[in-house]
């Protein structure tokens, strides 16, 4: 893969790592404390905070759970608020809707 094409992704992951580190420090937790609460090794926490690109999503979810912020993971791509997706769907709506009237049998 072209590394320059992934530069925005790499920057975003590094920024997320720094945010995790800041959240940990604000809560007065050492890396060892966070690792213990997450059920992972200290080196996993270090790699996550460094923005290592191979980190599993479950580690992010575990860190968010320790911080009391797990709900934010669900809201990352909140489909009712997905303006692009909703616009694309709306563009495909038919301009006219016809009723499906069924003919009822005539009574004799």
N, C-alpha and C. Protein backbone atom coordinates (compact mmCIF):
# COMPACT_ATOMS: atom_id res chain seq x y z
N UNK A 1 0.82 -1.19 0.00
CA UNK A 1 0.00 0.00 0.00
C UNK A 1 0.87 1.25 0.00
N UNK A 2 0.38 2.28 -0.60
CA UNK A 2 1.09 3.54 -0.65
C UNK A 2 0.98 4.24 0.71
N UNK A 3 2.11 4.47 1.36
CA UNK A 3 2.08 5.04 2.71
C UNK A 3 1.56 6.47 2.72
N UNK A 4 1.78 7.23 1.63
CA UNK A 4 1.28 8.60 1.61
C UNK A 4 -0.24 8.63 1.53
N UNK A 5 -0.84 7.61 0.91
CA UNK A 5 -2.30 7.54 0.85
C UNK A 5 -2.90 7.26 2.22
N UNK A 6 -2.12 6.62 3.09
CA UNK A 6 -2.61 6.28 4.42
C UNK A 6 -2.19 7.29 5.48
N UNK A 7 -1.58 8.38 5.08
CA UNK A 7 -1.12 9.39 6.03
C UNK A 7 -2.26 9.95 6.89
N UNK A 8 -3.42 10.30 6.32
CA UNK A 8 -4.51 10.78 7.18
C UNK A 8 -4.97 9.74 8.20
N UNK A 9 -4.99 8.47 7.78
CA UNK A 9 -5.40 7.40 8.69
C UNK A 9 -4.37 7.25 9.80
N UNK A 10 -3.10 7.26 9.43
CA UNK A 10 -2.03 7.15 10.41
C UNK A 10 -2.08 8.29 11.42
N UNK A 11 -2.30 9.49 10.94
CA UNK A 11 -2.40 10.65 11.84
C UNK A 11 -3.59 10.52 12.78
N UNK A 12 -4.71 10.05 12.26
CA UNK A 12 -5.90 9.90 13.09
C UNK A 12 -5.68 8.86 14.18
N UNK A 13 -5.01 7.75 13.84
CA UNK A 13 -4.74 6.71 14.84
C UNK A 13 -3.78 7.21 15.90
N UNK A 14 -2.76 7.97 15.49
CA UNK A 14 -1.81 8.54 16.46
C UNK A 14 -2.53 9.53 17.37
N UNK A 15 -3.41 10.34 16.80
CA UNK A 15 -4.17 11.30 17.60
C UNK A 15 -5.07 10.59 18.60
N UNK A 16 -5.69 9.50 18.17
CA UNK A 16 -6.53 8.72 19.08
C UNK A 16 -5.69 8.14 20.21
N UNK A 17 -4.50 7.67 19.89
CA UNK A 17 -3.60 7.15 20.91
C UNK A 17 -3.24 8.20 21.94
N UNK A 18 -2.95 9.41 21.47
CA UNK A 18 -2.62 10.50 22.40
C UNK A 18 -3.83 10.86 23.26
N UNK A 19 -5.03 10.78 22.68
CA UNK A 19 -6.25 11.06 23.46
C UNK A 19 -6.46 10.01 24.54
N UNK A 20 -6.16 8.75 24.21
CA UNK A 20 -6.26 7.68 25.21
C UNK A 20 -5.26 7.92 26.33
N UNK A 21 -4.04 8.30 25.96
CA UNK A 21 -3.02 8.59 26.97
C UNK A 21 -3.48 9.73 27.87
N UNK A 22 -4.00 10.79 27.29
CA UNK A 22 -4.45 11.94 28.06
C UNK A 22 -5.61 11.56 28.99
N UNK A 23 -6.55 10.76 28.48
CA UNK A 23 -7.68 10.32 29.31
C UNK A 23 -7.18 9.49 30.49
N UNK A 24 -6.20 8.64 30.24
CA UNK A 24 -5.63 7.81 31.31
C UNK A 24 -4.97 8.68 32.37
N UNK A 25 -4.15 9.63 31.91
CA UNK A 25 -3.43 10.50 32.84
C UNK A 25 -4.39 11.38 33.63
N UNK A 26 -5.42 11.88 33.00
CA UNK A 26 -6.40 12.72 33.70
C UNK A 26 -7.11 11.94 34.80
N UNK A 27 -7.23 10.64 34.63
CA UNK A 27 -7.88 9.81 35.63
C UNK A 27 -6.90 9.29 36.68
N UNK A 28 -5.65 9.71 36.55
CA UNK A 28 -4.63 9.32 37.52
C UNK A 28 -4.25 7.85 37.44
N UNK A 29 -4.37 7.27 36.25
CA UNK A 29 -4.03 5.86 36.07
C UNK A 29 -2.65 5.72 35.44
N UNK A 30 -1.88 4.78 35.93
CA UNK A 30 -0.62 4.45 35.27
C UNK A 30 -0.95 3.53 34.09
N UNK A 31 0.03 3.32 33.22
CA UNK A 31 -0.18 2.38 32.13
C UNK A 31 -0.46 0.99 32.69
N UNK A 32 0.23 0.65 33.78
CA UNK A 32 0.01 -0.66 34.41
C UNK A 32 -1.42 -0.77 34.96
N UNK A 33 -1.93 0.32 35.56
CA UNK A 33 -3.31 0.32 36.07
C UNK A 33 -4.30 0.09 34.93
N UNK A 34 -4.12 0.83 33.84
CA UNK A 34 -5.03 0.69 32.70
C UNK A 34 -4.94 -0.71 32.12
N UNK A 35 -3.73 -1.21 31.97
CA UNK A 35 -3.55 -2.56 31.42
C UNK A 35 -4.26 -3.59 32.29
N UNK A 36 -4.13 -3.46 33.60
CA UNK A 36 -4.78 -4.39 34.52
C UNK A 36 -6.29 -4.35 34.37
N UNK A 37 -6.84 -3.16 34.30
CA UNK A 37 -8.29 -3.02 34.17
C UNK A 37 -8.81 -3.51 32.82
N UNK A 38 -7.96 -3.39 31.79
CA UNK A 38 -8.35 -3.85 30.46
C UNK A 38 -8.10 -5.35 30.29
N UNK A 39 -7.27 -5.93 31.14
CA UNK A 39 -6.92 -7.34 31.01
C UNK A 39 -5.91 -7.58 29.90
N UNK A 40 -4.99 -6.62 29.72
CA UNK A 40 -3.95 -6.73 28.69
C UNK A 40 -2.60 -6.42 29.31
N UNK A 41 -1.56 -6.53 28.51
CA UNK A 41 -0.22 -6.22 28.99
C UNK A 41 0.06 -4.72 28.91
N UNK A 42 1.06 -4.28 29.66
CA UNK A 42 1.47 -2.88 29.62
C UNK A 42 1.96 -2.52 28.21
N UNK A 43 2.63 -3.46 27.54
CA UNK A 43 3.12 -3.17 26.19
C UNK A 43 1.95 -2.93 25.22
N UNK A 44 0.82 -3.58 25.45
CA UNK A 44 -0.36 -3.34 24.62
C UNK A 44 -0.86 -1.92 24.82
N UNK A 45 -0.90 -1.47 26.07
CA UNK A 45 -1.32 -0.10 26.36
C UNK A 45 -0.35 0.89 25.72
N UNK A 46 0.94 0.62 25.82
CA UNK A 46 1.95 1.51 25.21
C UNK A 46 1.75 1.60 23.70
N UNK A 47 1.55 0.45 23.05
CA UNK A 47 1.34 0.45 21.60
C UNK A 47 0.07 1.21 21.24
N UNK A 48 -0.97 1.04 22.03
CA UNK A 48 -2.23 1.74 21.77
C UNK A 48 -2.03 3.25 21.90
N UNK A 49 -1.35 3.68 22.95
CA UNK A 49 -1.10 5.11 23.17
C UNK A 49 -0.15 5.70 22.13
N UNK A 50 0.73 4.86 21.59
CA UNK A 50 1.65 5.32 20.54
C UNK A 50 0.98 5.38 19.17
N UNK A 51 -0.25 4.86 19.08
CA UNK A 51 -0.95 4.87 17.80
C UNK A 51 -0.46 3.81 16.84
N UNK A 52 -0.08 2.66 17.39
CA UNK A 52 0.37 1.54 16.56
C UNK A 52 -0.77 1.13 15.62
N UNK A 53 -0.50 1.04 14.32
CA UNK A 53 -1.57 0.78 13.36
C UNK A 53 -2.18 -0.62 13.43
N UNK A 54 -1.55 -1.57 14.10
CA UNK A 54 -2.07 -2.93 14.14
C UNK A 54 -2.91 -3.24 15.37
N UNK A 55 -3.28 -2.24 16.14
CA UNK A 55 -4.03 -2.48 17.36
C UNK A 55 -5.46 -2.94 17.04
N UNK A 56 -5.91 -3.94 17.78
CA UNK A 56 -7.25 -4.47 17.58
C UNK A 56 -8.29 -3.51 18.15
N UNK A 57 -9.42 -3.47 17.51
CA UNK A 57 -10.52 -2.61 17.95
C UNK A 57 -10.99 -2.97 19.36
N UNK A 58 -10.85 -4.22 19.74
CA UNK A 58 -11.28 -4.63 21.08
C UNK A 58 -10.49 -3.91 22.16
N UNK A 59 -9.23 -3.55 21.88
CA UNK A 59 -8.45 -2.83 22.89
C UNK A 59 -8.97 -1.42 23.06
N UNK A 60 -9.34 -0.79 21.97
CA UNK A 60 -9.95 0.54 22.07
C UNK A 60 -11.24 0.46 22.86
N UNK A 61 -12.07 -0.54 22.55
CA UNK A 61 -13.33 -0.71 23.27
C UNK A 61 -13.09 -0.95 24.75
N UNK A 62 -12.09 -1.75 25.08
CA UNK A 62 -11.77 -2.01 26.49
C UNK A 62 -11.32 -0.74 27.21
N UNK A 63 -10.49 0.06 26.54
CA UNK A 63 -10.04 1.32 27.15
C UNK A 63 -11.23 2.25 27.36
N UNK A 64 -12.10 2.35 26.37
CA UNK A 64 -13.28 3.21 26.51
C UNK A 64 -14.17 2.74 27.66
N UNK A 65 -14.27 1.43 27.84
CA UNK A 65 -15.07 0.90 28.94
C UNK A 65 -14.46 1.29 30.29
N UNK A 66 -13.14 1.20 30.42
CA UNK A 66 -12.47 1.59 31.66
C UNK A 66 -12.72 3.07 31.94
N UNK A 67 -12.72 3.89 30.90
CA UNK A 67 -12.93 5.34 31.07
C UNK A 67 -14.40 5.71 31.23
N UNK A 68 -15.30 4.73 31.12
CA UNK A 68 -16.73 5.03 31.21
C UNK A 68 -17.27 5.70 29.95
N UNK A 69 -16.63 5.44 28.82
CA UNK A 69 -16.99 6.12 27.57
C UNK A 69 -17.32 5.13 26.45
N UNK A 70 -17.68 3.92 26.77
CA UNK A 70 -17.92 2.90 25.75
C UNK A 70 -19.03 3.31 24.77
N UNK A 71 -20.01 4.04 25.23
CA UNK A 71 -21.11 4.48 24.38
C UNK A 71 -20.61 5.29 23.18
N UNK A 72 -19.49 5.98 23.34
CA UNK A 72 -18.95 6.80 22.25
C UNK A 72 -18.53 5.95 21.06
N UNK A 73 -18.15 4.71 21.30
CA UNK A 73 -17.79 3.82 20.19
C UNK A 73 -19.00 3.55 19.32
N UNK A 74 -20.15 3.31 19.94
CA UNK A 74 -21.37 3.07 19.19
C UNK A 74 -21.77 4.29 18.37
N UNK A 75 -21.44 5.47 18.87
CA UNK A 75 -21.85 6.70 18.20
C UNK A 75 -20.89 7.16 17.10
N UNK A 76 -19.80 6.42 16.88
CA UNK A 76 -18.83 6.84 15.86
C UNK A 76 -19.48 7.01 14.49
N UNK A 77 -20.31 6.09 14.11
CA UNK A 77 -21.01 6.19 12.84
C UNK A 77 -22.48 5.93 13.13
N UNK A 78 -23.09 6.88 13.80
CA UNK A 78 -24.49 6.77 14.20
C UNK A 78 -25.36 6.90 12.95
N UNK A 79 -25.94 5.80 12.51
CA UNK A 79 -26.64 5.79 11.23
C UNK A 79 -27.80 6.79 11.13
N UNK A 80 -28.56 7.08 12.18
CA UNK A 80 -29.59 8.11 12.03
C UNK A 80 -29.00 9.51 11.78
N UNK A 81 -27.73 9.70 12.09
CA UNK A 81 -27.08 10.99 11.88
C UNK A 81 -26.13 10.97 10.68
N UNK A 82 -26.15 9.90 9.89
CA UNK A 82 -25.27 9.76 8.73
C UNK A 82 -25.83 10.57 7.57
N UNK A 83 -25.48 11.84 7.51
CA UNK A 83 -26.07 12.74 6.51
C UNK A 83 -25.74 12.31 5.08
N UNK A 84 -24.55 11.81 4.83
CA UNK A 84 -24.19 11.37 3.48
C UNK A 84 -25.01 10.15 3.09
N UNK A 85 -25.06 9.16 3.97
CA UNK A 85 -25.84 7.96 3.68
C UNK A 85 -27.32 8.25 3.49
N UNK A 86 -27.86 9.12 4.34
CA UNK A 86 -29.27 9.48 4.21
C UNK A 86 -29.53 10.23 2.91
N UNK A 87 -28.63 11.11 2.52
CA UNK A 87 -28.79 11.85 1.25
C UNK A 87 -28.75 10.91 0.06
N UNK A 88 -27.85 9.93 0.09
CA UNK A 88 -27.77 8.96 -1.00
C UNK A 88 -29.06 8.14 -1.08
N UNK A 89 -29.59 7.75 0.06
CA UNK A 89 -30.84 6.99 0.06
C UNK A 89 -31.98 7.85 -0.46
N UNK A 90 -32.05 9.11 -0.02
CA UNK A 90 -33.12 10.01 -0.45
C UNK A 90 -33.07 10.26 -1.95
N UNK A 91 -31.87 10.31 -2.52
CA UNK A 91 -31.73 10.54 -3.95
C UNK A 91 -32.30 9.38 -4.76
N UNK A 92 -32.39 8.21 -4.17
CA UNK A 92 -32.90 7.03 -4.87
C UNK A 92 -34.39 6.81 -4.65
N UNK A 93 -35.02 7.65 -3.86
CA UNK A 93 -36.45 7.49 -3.63
C UNK A 93 -37.23 7.77 -4.91
N UNK A 94 -38.28 7.01 -5.16
CA UNK A 94 -39.07 7.27 -6.37
C UNK A 94 -39.78 8.61 -6.24
N UNK A 95 -39.97 9.26 -7.37
CA UNK A 95 -40.65 10.57 -7.33
C UNK A 95 -42.15 10.40 -7.15
N UNK A 96 -42.66 9.23 -7.45
CA UNK A 96 -44.09 8.98 -7.34
C UNK A 96 -44.32 7.59 -6.75
N UNK A 97 -45.28 7.50 -5.88
CA UNK A 97 -45.66 6.22 -5.28
C UNK A 97 -47.08 5.91 -5.74
N UNK A 98 -47.25 4.74 -6.29
CA UNK A 98 -48.57 4.31 -6.75
C UNK A 98 -49.16 3.37 -5.73
N UNK A 99 -50.47 3.48 -5.53
CA UNK A 99 -51.12 2.60 -4.57
C UNK A 99 -51.31 1.22 -5.19
N UNK A 100 -51.32 0.25 -4.36
CA UNK A 100 -51.53 -1.14 -4.79
C UNK A 100 -52.96 -1.54 -4.43
N UNK A 101 -53.89 -0.93 -5.07
CA UNK A 101 -55.29 -1.24 -4.76
C UNK A 101 -55.64 -2.61 -5.31
N UNK A 102 -56.17 -3.39 -4.46
CA UNK A 102 -56.62 -4.72 -4.88
C UNK A 102 -58.10 -4.62 -5.21
N UNK A 103 -58.43 -5.24 -6.26
CA UNK A 103 -59.86 -5.27 -6.62
C UNK A 103 -60.54 -6.29 -5.73
N UNK A 104 -61.57 -5.85 -5.08
CA UNK A 104 -62.31 -6.77 -4.23
C UNK A 104 -63.37 -7.45 -5.08
N UNK A 105 -63.60 -8.71 -4.85
CA UNK A 105 -64.63 -9.41 -5.64
C UNK A 105 -66.00 -8.79 -5.38
N UNK A 106 -66.76 -8.68 -6.44
CA UNK A 106 -68.11 -8.11 -6.31
C UNK A 106 -69.03 -9.11 -5.64
N UNK A 107 -69.88 -8.58 -4.79
CA UNK A 107 -70.86 -9.43 -4.11
C UNK A 107 -71.99 -9.75 -5.08
N UNK A 108 -72.52 -10.96 -5.04
CA UNK A 108 -73.62 -11.35 -5.92
C UNK A 108 -74.92 -11.20 -5.24
